[in-house]
Amino acid sequence: MQTVADIFLARRADPNPALYFEERHWSGAEVFGECAARAAYLLAERPAGAFHGGVLLDNTPAHLFWLGACALAGGKGCSATGAVI
């Protein structure tokens, strides 16, 4: 089964456009780089014990970069909406 991390890893050297937002675009490699940098931060700041994170951002590139970071840092992935939140 392919994971979200697998999807980002598969694009880590891809020079083709992968994300368009307003007047800017990022290649697959650039998206991977943004995600990987944030994943490194998450892992460096990880506290001992259970490791939980949440992403609640506007629909911007930063949202994708942080979701990718969570996946690359080993996150299992979960979506919660409405009353669950």
PDB file of N, CA and C in Angstrom:
ATOM      1  N   MET A   1       0.844  -1.186   0.000  1.00  0.00           N
ATOM      2  CA  MET A   1       0.000   0.000   0.000  1.00  0.00           C
ATOM      3  C   MET A   1       0.885   1.243   0.000  1.00  0.00           C
ATOM      4  N   GLN A   2       0.575   2.180  -0.855  1.00  0.00           N
ATOM      5  CA  GLN A   2       1.329   3.421  -0.944  1.00  0.00           C
ATOM      6  C   GLN A   2       0.885   4.374   0.160  1.00  0.00           C
ATOM      7  N   THR A   3       1.852   4.997   0.814  1.00  0.00           N
ATOM      8  CA  THR A   3       1.550   5.964   1.865  1.00  0.00           C
ATOM      9  C   THR A   3       1.711   7.385   1.320  1.00  0.00           C
ATOM     10  N   VAL A   4       1.269   8.346   2.104  1.00  0.00           N
ATOM     11  CA  VAL A   4       1.460   9.749   1.725  1.00  0.00           C
ATOM     12  C   VAL A   4       2.951  10.055   1.630  1.00  0.00           C
ATOM     13  N   ALA A   5       3.737   9.519   2.559  1.00  0.00           N
ATOM     14  CA  ALA A   5       5.191   9.730   2.501  1.00  0.00           C
ATOM     15  C   ALA A   5       5.762   9.175   1.199  1.00  0.00           C
ATOM     16  N   ASP A   6       5.274   8.017   0.749  1.00  0.00           N
ATOM     17  CA  ASP A   6       5.739   7.426  -0.510  1.00  0.00           C
ATOM     18  C   ASP A   6       5.487   8.365  -1.687  1.00  0.00           C
ATOM     19  N   ILE A   7       4.346   9.033  -1.675  1.00  0.00           N
ATOM     20  CA  ILE A   7       4.004   9.953  -2.759  1.00  0.00           C
ATOM     21  C   ILE A   7       4.998  11.112  -2.809  1.00  0.00           C
ATOM     22  N   PHE A   8       5.327  11.679  -1.653  1.00  0.00           N
ATOM     23  CA  PHE A   8       6.299  12.776  -1.609  1.00  0.00           C
ATOM     24  C   PHE A   8       7.695  12.282  -1.984  1.00  0.00           C
ATOM     25  N   LEU A   9       8.082  11.124  -1.476  1.00  0.00           N
ATOM     26  CA  LEU A   9       9.400  10.564  -1.781  1.00  0.00           C
ATOM     27  C   LEU A   9       9.567  10.293  -3.272  1.00  0.00           C
ATOM     28  N   ALA A  10       8.514   9.872  -3.932  1.00  0.00           N
ATOM     29  CA  ALA A  10       8.582   9.584  -5.357  1.00  0.00           C
ATOM     30  C   ALA A  10       8.857  10.831  -6.188  1.00  0.00           C
ATOM     31  N   ARG A  11       8.569  12.002  -5.645  1.00  0.00           N
ATOM     32  CA  ARG A  11       8.750  13.258  -6.387  1.00  0.00           C
ATOM     33  C   ARG A  11       9.999  14.023  -5.962  1.00  0.00           C
ATOM     34  N   ARG A  12      10.827  13.425  -5.101  1.00  0.00           N
ATOM     35  CA  ARG A  12      11.939  14.176  -4.508  1.00  0.00           C
ATOM     36  C   ARG A  12      12.964  14.704  -5.513  1.00  0.00           C
ATOM     37  N   ALA A  13      13.036  14.142  -6.705  1.00  0.00           N
ATOM     38  CA  ALA A  13      13.973  14.630  -7.723  1.00  0.00           C
ATOM     39  C   ALA A  13      13.243  15.114  -8.980  1.00  0.00           C
ATOM     40  N   ASP A  14      11.946  15.276  -8.882  1.00  0.00           N
ATOM     41  CA  ASP A  14      11.130  15.639 -10.044  1.00  0.00           C
ATOM     42  C   ASP A  14      11.201  17.141 -10.309  1.00  0.00           C
ATOM     43  N   PRO A  15      11.731  17.543 -11.470  1.00  0.00           N
ATOM     44  CA  PRO A  15      11.845  18.971 -11.780  1.00  0.00           C
ATOM     45  C   PRO A  15      10.557  19.580 -12.338  1.00  0.00           C
ATOM     46  N   ASN A  16       9.561  18.756 -12.587  1.00  0.00           N
ATOM     47  CA  ASN A  16       8.314  19.244 -13.184  1.00  0.00           C
ATOM     48  C   ASN A  16       7.432  19.948 -12.159  1.00  0.00           C
ATOM     49  N   PRO A  17       6.638  20.921 -12.617  1.00  0.00           N
ATOM     50  CA  PRO A  17       5.726  21.616 -11.696  1.00  0.00           C
ATOM     51  C   PRO A  17       4.777  20.626 -11.003  1.00  0.00           C
ATOM     52  N   ALA A  18       4.633  20.801  -9.707  1.00  0.00           N
ATOM     53  CA  ALA A  18       3.773  19.912  -8.917  1.00  0.00           C
ATOM     54  C   ALA A  18       2.729  20.687  -8.126  1.00  0.00           C
ATOM     55  N   LEU A  19       2.985  21.951  -7.862  1.00  0.00           N
ATOM     56  CA  LEU A  19       2.072  22.754  -7.053  1.00  0.00           C
ATOM     57  C   LEU A  19       2.007  24.162  -7.639  1.00  0.00           C
ATOM     58  N   TYR A  20       0.802  24.613  -7.882  1.00  0.00           N
ATOM     59  CA  TYR A  20       0.558  25.969  -8.351  1.00  0.00           C
ATOM     60  C   TYR A  20      -0.268  26.684  -7.301  1.00  0.00           C
ATOM     61  N   PHE A  21       0.126  27.904  -6.955  1.00  0.00           N
ATOM     62  CA  PHE A  21      -0.641  28.717  -6.019  1.00  0.00           C
ATOM     63  C   PHE A  21      -0.468  30.175  -6.411  1.00  0.00           C
ATOM     64  N   GLU A  22      -1.572  30.794  -6.734  1.00  0.00           N
ATOM     65  CA  GLU A  22      -1.576  32.179  -7.187  1.00  0.00           C
ATOM     66  C   GLU A  22      -0.574  32.347  -8.330  1.00  0.00           C
ATOM     67  N   GLU A  23       0.419  33.180  -8.198  1.00  0.00           N
ATOM     68  CA  GLU A  23       1.371  33.430  -9.287  1.00  0.00           C
ATOM     69  C   GLU A  23       2.657  32.606  -9.161  1.00  0.00           C
ATOM     70  N   ARG A  24       2.675  31.621  -8.275  1.00  0.00           N
ATOM     71  CA  ARG A  24       3.897  30.866  -7.998  1.00  0.00           C
ATOM     72  C   ARG A  24       3.679  29.392  -8.282  1.00  0.00           C
ATOM     73  N   HIS A  25       4.767  28.684  -8.553  1.00  0.00           N
ATOM     74  CA  HIS A  25       4.697  27.234  -8.657  1.00  0.00           C
ATOM     75  C   HIS A  25       5.964  26.611  -8.072  1.00  0.00           C
ATOM     76  N   TRP A  26       5.828  25.367  -7.641  1.00  0.00           N
ATOM     77  CA  TRP A  26       6.922  24.596  -7.059  1.00  0.00           C
ATOM     78  C   TRP A  26       7.045  23.291  -7.843  1.00  0.00           C
ATOM     79  N   SER A  27       8.251  22.848  -8.071  1.00  0.00           N
ATOM     80  CA  SER A  27       8.466  21.549  -8.693  1.00  0.00           C
ATOM     81  C   SER A  27       8.234  20.454  -7.649  1.00  0.00           C
ATOM     82  N   GLY A  28       8.150  19.224  -8.103  1.00  0.00           N
ATOM     83  CA  GLY A  28       8.025  18.108  -7.161  1.00  0.00           C
ATOM     84  C   GLY A  28       9.190  18.087  -6.187  1.00  0.00           C
ATOM     85  N   ALA A  29      10.391  18.355  -6.704  1.00  0.00           N
ATOM     86  CA  ALA A  29      11.582  18.379  -5.846  1.00  0.00           C
ATOM     87  C   ALA A  29      11.507  19.510  -4.817  1.00  0.00           C
ATOM     88  N   GLU A  30      11.008  20.665  -5.231  1.00  0.00           N
ATOM     89  CA  GLU A  30      10.883  21.789  -4.291  1.00  0.00           C
ATOM     90  C   GLU A  30       9.833  21.509  -3.231  1.00  0.00           C
ATOM     91  N   VAL A  31       8.717  20.908  -3.621  1.00  0.00           N
ATOM     92  CA  VAL A  31       7.694  20.539  -2.638  1.00  0.00           C
ATOM     93  C   VAL A  31       8.294  19.557  -1.638  1.00  0.00           C
ATOM     94  N   PHE A  32       8.991  18.543  -2.149  1.00  0.00           N
ATOM     95  CA  PHE A  32       9.633  17.577  -1.257  1.00  0.00           C
ATOM     96  C   PHE A  32      10.604  18.284  -0.315  1.00  0.00           C
ATOM     97  N   GLY A  33      11.404  19.206  -0.838  1.00  0.00           N
ATOM     98  CA  GLY A  33      12.369  19.933  -0.005  1.00  0.00           C
ATOM     99  C   GLY A  33      11.706  20.725   1.110  1.00  0.00           C
ATOM    100  N   GLU A  34      10.602  21.394   0.787  1.00  0.00           N
ATOM    101  CA  GLU A  34       9.860  22.147   1.812  1.00  0.00           C
ATOM    102  C   GLU A  34       9.337  21.200   2.897  1.00  0.00           C
ATOM    103  N   CYS A  35       8.787  20.076   2.468  1.00  0.00           N
ATOM    104  CA  CYS A  35       8.250  19.096   3.415  1.00  0.00           C
ATOM    105  C   CYS A  35       9.370  18.481   4.259  1.00  0.00           C
ATOM    106  N   ALA A  36      10.462  18.120   3.600  1.00  0.00           N
ATOM    107  CA  ALA A  36      11.581  17.474   4.306  1.00  0.00           C
ATOM    108  C   ALA A  36      12.200  18.403   5.343  1.00  0.00           C
ATOM    109  N   ALA A  37      12.319  19.690   5.018  1.00  0.00           N
ATOM    110  CA  ALA A  37      12.876  20.649   5.979  1.00  0.00           C
ATOM    111  C   ALA A  37      11.996  20.737   7.223  1.00  0.00           C
ATOM    112  N   ARG A  38      10.696  20.759   7.021  1.00  0.00           N
ATOM    113  CA  ARG A  38       9.777  20.823   8.156  1.00  0.00           C
ATOM    114  C   ARG A  38       9.774  19.502   8.932  1.00  0.00           C
ATOM    115  N   ALA A  39       9.905  18.380   8.220  1.00  0.00           N
ATOM    116  CA  ALA A  39       9.973  17.072   8.897  1.00  0.00           C
ATOM    117  C   ALA A  39      11.211  17.006   9.788  1.00  0.00           C
ATOM    118  N   ALA A  40      12.326  17.521   9.298  1.00  0.00           N
ATOM    119  CA  ALA A  40      13.561  17.538  10.103  1.00  0.00           C
ATOM    120  C   ALA A  40      13.352  18.358  11.375  1.00  0.00           C
ATOM    121  N   TYR A  41      12.665  19.483  11.249  1.00  0.00           N
ATOM    122  CA  TYR A  41      12.358  20.306  12.424  1.00  0.00           C
ATOM    123  C   TYR A  41      11.494  19.536  13.418  1.00  0.00           C
ATOM    124  N   LEU A  42      10.437  18.893  12.912  1.00  0.00           N
ATOM    125  CA  LEU A  42       9.555  18.124  13.801  1.00  0.00           C
ATOM    126  C   LEU A  42      10.320  17.041  14.551  1.00  0.00           C
ATOM    127  N   LEU A  43      11.176  16.333  13.842  1.00  0.00           N
ATOM    128  CA  LEU A  43      11.931  15.250  14.473  1.00  0.00           C
ATOM    129  C   LEU A  43      12.963  15.782  15.458  1.00  0.00           C
ATOM    130  N   ALA A  44      13.569  16.931  15.143  1.00  0.00           N
ATOM    131  CA  ALA A  44      14.560  17.525  16.049  1.00  0.00           C
ATOM    132  C   ALA A  44      13.912  18.026  17.336  1.00  0.00           C
ATOM    133  N   GLU A  45      12.665  18.477  17.240  1.00  0.00           N
ATOM    134  CA  GLU A  45      11.960  19.034  18.402  1.00  0.00           C
ATOM    135  C   GLU A  45      11.043  18.020  19.079  1.00  0.00           C
ATOM    136  N   ARG A  46      11.082  16.782  18.625  1.00  0.00           N
ATOM    137  CA  ARG A  46      10.180  15.757  19.155  1.00  0.00           C
ATOM    138  C   ARG A  46      10.428  15.525  20.643  1.00  0.00           C
ATOM    139  N   PRO A  47       9.380  15.616  21.450  1.00  0.00           N
ATOM    140  CA  PRO A  47       9.529  15.327  22.873  1.00  0.00           C
ATOM    141  C   PRO A  47       9.554  13.815  23.102  1.00  0.00           C
ATOM    142  N   ALA A  48      10.004  13.430  24.265  1.00  0.00           N
ATOM    143  CA  ALA A  48       9.981  12.011  24.626  1.00  0.00           C
ATOM    144  C   ALA A  48       8.531  11.567  24.779  1.00  0.00           C
ATOM    145  N   GLY A  49       8.266  10.316  24.496  1.00  0.00           N
ATOM    146  CA  GLY A  49       6.915   9.787  24.658  1.00  0.00           C
ATOM    147  C   GLY A  49       6.100   9.923  23.393  1.00  0.00           C
ATOM    148  N   ALA A  50       4.802   9.912  23.575  1.00  0.00           N
ATOM    149  CA  ALA A  50       3.879   9.979  22.441  1.00  0.00           C
ATOM    150  C   ALA A  50       4.112  11.258  21.648  1.00  0.00           C
ATOM    151  N   PHE A  51       4.003  11.147  20.358  1.00  0.00           N
ATOM    152  CA  PHE A  51       4.269  12.276  19.460  1.00  0.00           C
ATOM    153  C   PHE A  51       3.022  12.529  18.636  1.00  0.00           C
ATOM    154  N   HIS A  52       2.367  13.629  18.901  1.00  0.00           N
ATOM    155  CA  HIS A  52       1.134  13.977  18.199  1.00  0.00           C
ATOM    156  C   HIS A  52       1.290  15.357  17.584  1.00  0.00           C
ATOM    157  N   GLY A  53       0.704  15.528  16.432  1.00  0.00           N
ATOM    158  CA  GLY A  53       0.744  16.831  15.782  1.00  0.00           C
ATOM    159  C   GLY A  53      -0.557  17.072  15.056  1.00  0.00           C
ATOM    160  N   GLY A  54      -0.841  18.301  14.829  1.00  0.00           N
ATOM    161  CA  GLY A  54      -2.040  18.655  14.090  1.00  0.00           C
ATOM    162  C   GLY A  54      -1.742  19.823  13.173  1.00  0.00           C
ATOM    163  N   VAL A  55      -2.436  19.868  12.058  1.00  0.00           N
ATOM    164  CA  VAL A  55      -2.258  20.948  11.092  1.00  0.00           C
ATOM    165  C   VAL A  55      -3.616  21.579  10.846  1.00  0.00           C
ATOM    166  N   LEU A  56      -3.720  22.828  11.158  1.00  0.00           N
ATOM    167  CA  LEU A  56      -4.946  23.574  10.913  1.00  0.00           C
ATOM    168  C   LEU A  56      -4.534  24.911  10.303  1.00  0.00           C
ATOM    169  N   LEU A  57      -4.528  24.939   8.986  1.00  0.00           N
ATOM    170  CA  LEU A  57      -4.088  26.125   8.255  1.00  0.00           C
ATOM    171  C   LEU A  57      -5.056  26.414   7.121  1.00  0.00           C
ATOM    172  N   ASP A  58      -4.958  27.612   6.577  1.00  0.00           N
ATOM    173  CA  ASP A  58      -5.712  27.938   5.372  1.00  0.00           C
ATOM    174  C   ASP A  58      -5.230  27.050   4.229  1.00  0.00           C
ATOM    175  N   ASN A  59      -5.972  27.011   3.160  1.00  0.00           N
ATOM    176  CA  ASN A  59      -5.626  26.213   1.995  1.00  0.00           C
ATOM    177  C   ASN A  59      -4.541  26.942   1.201  1.00  0.00           C
ATOM    178  N   THR A  60      -3.316  26.830   1.691  1.00  0.00           N
ATOM    179  CA  THR A  60      -2.145  27.476   1.100  1.00  0.00           C
ATOM    180  C   THR A  60      -1.046  26.433   0.946  1.00  0.00           C
ATOM    181  N   PRO A  61       0.043  26.775   0.266  1.00  0.00           N
ATOM    182  CA  PRO A  61       1.151  25.826   0.172  1.00  0.00           C
ATOM    183  C   PRO A  61       1.677  25.373   1.541  1.00  0.00           C
ATOM    184  N   ALA A  62       1.664  26.251   2.516  1.00  0.00           N
ATOM    185  CA  ALA A  62       2.150  25.881   3.846  1.00  0.00           C
ATOM    186  C   ALA A  62       1.381  24.684   4.401  1.00  0.00           C
ATOM    187  N   HIS A  63       0.097  24.614   4.119  1.00  0.00           N
ATOM    188  CA  HIS A  63      -0.719  23.482   4.582  1.00  0.00           C
ATOM    189  C   HIS A  63      -0.175  22.182   3.996  1.00  0.00           C
ATOM    190  N   LEU A  64       0.057  22.155   2.691  1.00  0.00           N
ATOM    191  CA  LEU A  64       0.611  20.965   2.052  1.00  0.00           C
ATOM    192  C   LEU A  64       2.000  20.641   2.592  1.00  0.00           C
ATOM    193  N   PHE A  65       2.836  21.659   2.771  1.00  0.00           N
ATOM    194  CA  PHE A  65       4.201  21.431   3.254  1.00  0.00           C
ATOM    195  C   PHE A  65       4.193  20.804   4.650  1.00  0.00           C
ATOM    196  N   TRP A  66       3.304  21.273   5.540  1.00  0.00           N
ATOM    197  CA  TRP A  66       3.243  20.702   6.884  1.00  0.00           C
ATOM    198  C   TRP A  66       2.618  19.315   6.896  1.00  0.00           C
ATOM    199  N   LEU A  67       1.617  19.084   6.048  1.00  0.00           N
ATOM    200  CA  LEU A  67       1.060  17.730   5.956  1.00  0.00           C
ATOM    201  C   LEU A  67       2.114  16.761   5.440  1.00  0.00           C
ATOM    202  N   GLY A  68       2.864  17.184   4.436  1.00  0.00           N
ATOM    203  CA  GLY A  68       3.954  16.355   3.926  1.00  0.00           C
ATOM    204  C   GLY A  68       5.018  16.121   4.980  1.00  0.00           C
ATOM    205  N   ALA A  69       5.306  17.137   5.767  1.00  0.00           N
ATOM    206  CA  ALA A  69       6.286  16.999   6.845  1.00  0.00           C
ATOM    207  C   ALA A  69       5.848  15.948   7.854  1.00  0.00           C
ATOM    208  N   CYS A  70       4.589  15.998   8.225  1.00  0.00           N
ATOM    209  CA  CYS A  70       4.074  14.999   9.171  1.00  0.00           C
ATOM    210  C   CYS A  70       4.203  13.596   8.599  1.00  0.00           C
ATOM    211  N   ALA A  71       3.895  13.446   7.324  1.00  0.00           N
ATOM    212  CA  ALA A  71       4.012  12.130   6.686  1.00  0.00           C
ATOM    213  C   ALA A  71       5.465  11.672   6.659  1.00  0.00           C
ATOM    214  N   LEU A  72       6.377  12.554   6.264  1.00  0.00           N
ATOM    215  CA  LEU A  72       7.788  12.191   6.181  1.00  0.00           C
ATOM    216  C   LEU A  72       8.407  11.936   7.550  1.00  0.00           C
ATOM    217  N   ALA A  73       7.839  12.546   8.582  1.00  0.00           N
ATOM    218  CA  ALA A  73       8.336  12.343   9.945  1.00  0.00           C
ATOM    219  C   ALA A  73       7.789  11.057  10.563  1.00  0.00           C
ATOM    220  N   GLY A  74       6.984  10.325   9.796  1.00  0.00           N
ATOM    221  CA  GLY A  74       6.487   9.046  10.291  1.00  0.00           C
ATOM    222  C   GLY A  74       5.063   9.068  10.781  1.00  0.00           C
ATOM    223  N   GLY A  75       4.338  10.152  10.520  1.00  0.00           N
ATOM    224  CA  GLY A  75       2.952  10.238  10.958  1.00  0.00           C
ATOM    225  C   GLY A  75       2.078   9.188  10.309  1.00  0.00           C
ATOM    226  N   LYS A  76       1.079   8.782  11.015  1.00  0.00           N
ATOM    227  CA  LYS A  76       0.168   7.745  10.529  1.00  0.00           C
ATOM    228  C   LYS A  76      -0.989   8.313   9.730  1.00  0.00           C
ATOM    229  N   GLY A  77      -1.313   9.562   9.923  1.00  0.00           N
ATOM    230  CA  GLY A  77      -2.377  10.208   9.167  1.00  0.00           C
ATOM    231  C   GLY A  77      -3.751   9.971   9.756  1.00  0.00           C
ATOM    232  N   CYS A  78      -4.471  11.049   9.886  1.00  0.00           N
ATOM    233  CA  CYS A  78      -5.831  10.988  10.415  1.00  0.00           C
ATOM    234  C   CYS A  78      -6.530  12.270  10.018  1.00  0.00           C
ATOM    235  N   SER A  79      -7.744  12.166   9.650  1.00  0.00           N
ATOM    236  CA  SER A  79      -8.547  13.349   9.364  1.00  0.00           C
ATOM    237  C   SER A  79      -9.703  13.385  10.339  1.00  0.00           C
ATOM    238  N   ALA A  80      -9.872  14.489  10.959  1.00  0.00           N
ATOM    239  CA  ALA A  80     -10.996  14.671  11.869  1.00  0.00           C
ATOM    240  C   ALA A  80     -11.724  15.951  11.467  1.00  0.00           C
ATOM    241  N   THR A  81     -13.023  15.904  11.495  1.00  0.00           N
ATOM    242  CA  THR A  81     -13.805  17.071  11.132  1.00  0.00           C
ATOM    243  C   THR A  81     -14.973  17.244  12.096  1.00  0.00           C
ATOM    244  N   GLY A  82     -15.602  18.393  11.985  1.00  0.00           N
ATOM    245  CA  GLY A  82     -16.831  18.659  12.721  1.00  0.00           C
ATOM    246  C   GLY A  82     -16.724  18.460  14.210  1.00  0.00           C
ATOM    247  N   ALA A  83     -17.689  17.746  14.759  1.00  0.00           N
ATOM    248  CA  ALA A  83     -17.799  17.568  16.216  1.00  0.00           C
ATOM    249  C   ALA A  83     -16.609  16.828  16.811  1.00  0.00           C
ATOM    250  N   VAL A  84     -15.912  16.025  15.992  1.00  0.00           N
ATOM    251  CA  VAL A  84     -14.758  15.279  16.499  1.00  0.00           C
ATOM    252  C   VAL A  84     -13.657  16.225  16.948  1.00  0.00           C
ATOM    253  N   ILE A  85     -13.542  17.352  16.216  1.00  0.00           N
ATOM    254  CA  ILE A  85     -12.513  18.343  16.575  1.00  0.00           C
ATOM    255  C   ILE A  85     -12.970  19.055  17.827  1.00  0.00           C
TER     256      ILE A  85
END
